[in-house]
Amino acid sequence: MKGKIVFPAMFLAAMLLAACNTVEGVGEDVQAGGEAIEDTAQDVEDDINK
């Protein structure tokens, strides 16, 4: 009985940890995209104000 509970619990924990890493990676990608947009907007503003 104990083995029937332990294995699914370990599997679920592994999936949750993997999901956290994936979400963190997506967050970093979104942040990098936002920074690129911000840099481009700043370059355009600088060009307009020349």
C-alpha atoms as a PDB file:
ATOM      1  CA  MET A   1       0.000   0.000   0.000  1.00  0.00           C
ATOM      2  CA  LYS A   2       2.800   2.411   0.901  1.00  0.00           C
ATOM      3  CA  GLY A   3       4.464   1.948  -2.528  1.00  0.00           C
ATOM      4  CA  LYS A   4       1.200   2.827  -4.256  1.00  0.00           C
ATOM      5  CA  ILE A   5       1.241   6.223  -2.566  1.00  0.00           C
ATOM      6  CA  VAL A   6       4.979   7.010  -2.566  1.00  0.00           C
ATOM      7  CA  PHE A   7       5.606   6.644  -6.307  1.00  0.00           C
ATOM      8  CA  PRO A   8       2.720   8.896  -7.455  1.00  0.00           C
ATOM      9  CA  ALA A   9       3.666  11.466  -4.807  1.00  0.00           C
ATOM     10  CA  MET A  10       7.285  11.508  -6.012  1.00  0.00           C
ATOM     11  CA  PHE A  11       6.128  11.778  -9.626  1.00  0.00           C
ATOM     12  CA  LEU A  12       3.818  14.686  -8.794  1.00  0.00           C
ATOM     13  CA  ALA A  13       6.609  16.468  -6.890  1.00  0.00           C
ATOM     14  CA  ALA A  14       8.980  16.044  -9.843  1.00  0.00           C
ATOM     15  CA  MET A  15       6.376  17.458 -12.236  1.00  0.00           C
ATOM     16  CA  LEU A  16       5.753  20.464  -9.999  1.00  0.00           C
ATOM     17  CA  LEU A  17       9.473  21.207  -9.758  1.00  0.00           C
ATOM     18  CA  ALA A  18       9.858  20.921 -13.533  1.00  0.00           C
ATOM     19  CA  ALA A  19       6.907  23.284 -14.019  1.00  0.00           C
ATOM     20  CA  CYS A  20       8.516  25.854 -11.716  1.00  0.00           C
ATOM     21  CA  ASN A  21      11.694  25.820 -13.805  1.00  0.00           C
ATOM     22  CA  THR A  22       9.650  26.186 -16.991  1.00  0.00           C
ATOM     23  CA  VAL A  23       7.659  29.117 -15.614  1.00  0.00           C
ATOM     24  CA  GLU A  24      10.870  30.776 -14.441  1.00  0.00           C
ATOM     25  CA  GLY A  25      12.364  30.393 -17.913  1.00  0.00           C
ATOM     26  CA  VAL A  26       9.284  31.885 -19.547  1.00  0.00           C
ATOM     27  CA  GLY A  27       9.427  34.792 -17.117  1.00  0.00           C
ATOM     28  CA  GLU A  28      13.041  35.462 -18.046  1.00  0.00           C
ATOM     29  CA  ASP A  29      12.174  35.331 -21.762  1.00  0.00           C
ATOM     30  CA  VAL A  30       9.286  37.760 -21.307  1.00  0.00           C
ATOM     31  CA  GLN A  31      11.504  40.095 -19.305  1.00  0.00           C
ATOM     32  CA  ALA A  32      14.192  40.033 -22.001  1.00  0.00           C
ATOM     33  CA  GLY A  33      11.557  40.778 -24.644  1.00  0.00           C
ATOM     34  CA  GLY A  34      10.268  43.715 -22.606  1.00  0.00           C
ATOM     35  CA  GLU A  35      13.771  45.094 -22.217  1.00  0.00           C
ATOM     36  CA  ALA A  36      14.341  44.835 -25.984  1.00  0.00           C
ATOM     37  CA  ILE A  37      11.120  46.748 -26.644  1.00  0.00           C
ATOM     38  CA  GLU A  38      12.102  49.370 -24.077  1.00  0.00           C
ATOM     39  CA  ASP A  39      15.536  49.796 -25.688  1.00  0.00           C
ATOM     40  CA  THR A  40      13.995  50.139 -29.151  1.00  0.00           C
ATOM     41  CA  ALA A  41      11.480  52.698 -27.895  1.00  0.00           C
ATOM     42  CA  GLN A  42      14.318  54.680 -26.315  1.00  0.00           C
ATOM     43  CA  ASP A  43      16.278  54.597 -29.600  1.00  0.00           C
ATOM     44  CA  VAL A  44      13.235  55.894 -31.508  1.00  0.00           C
ATOM     45  CA  GLU A  45      12.684  58.649 -28.943  1.00  0.00           C
ATOM     46  CA  ASP A  46      16.359  59.635 -29.221  1.00  0.00           C
ATOM     47  CA  ASP A  47      16.097  59.755 -33.027  1.00  0.00           C
ATOM     48  CA  ILE A  48      12.972  61.926 -32.891  1.00  0.00           C
ATOM     49  CA  ASN A  49      14.578  64.389 -30.481  1.00  0.00           C
ATOM     50  CA  LYS A  50      17.710  64.915 -32.609  1.00  0.00           C
END
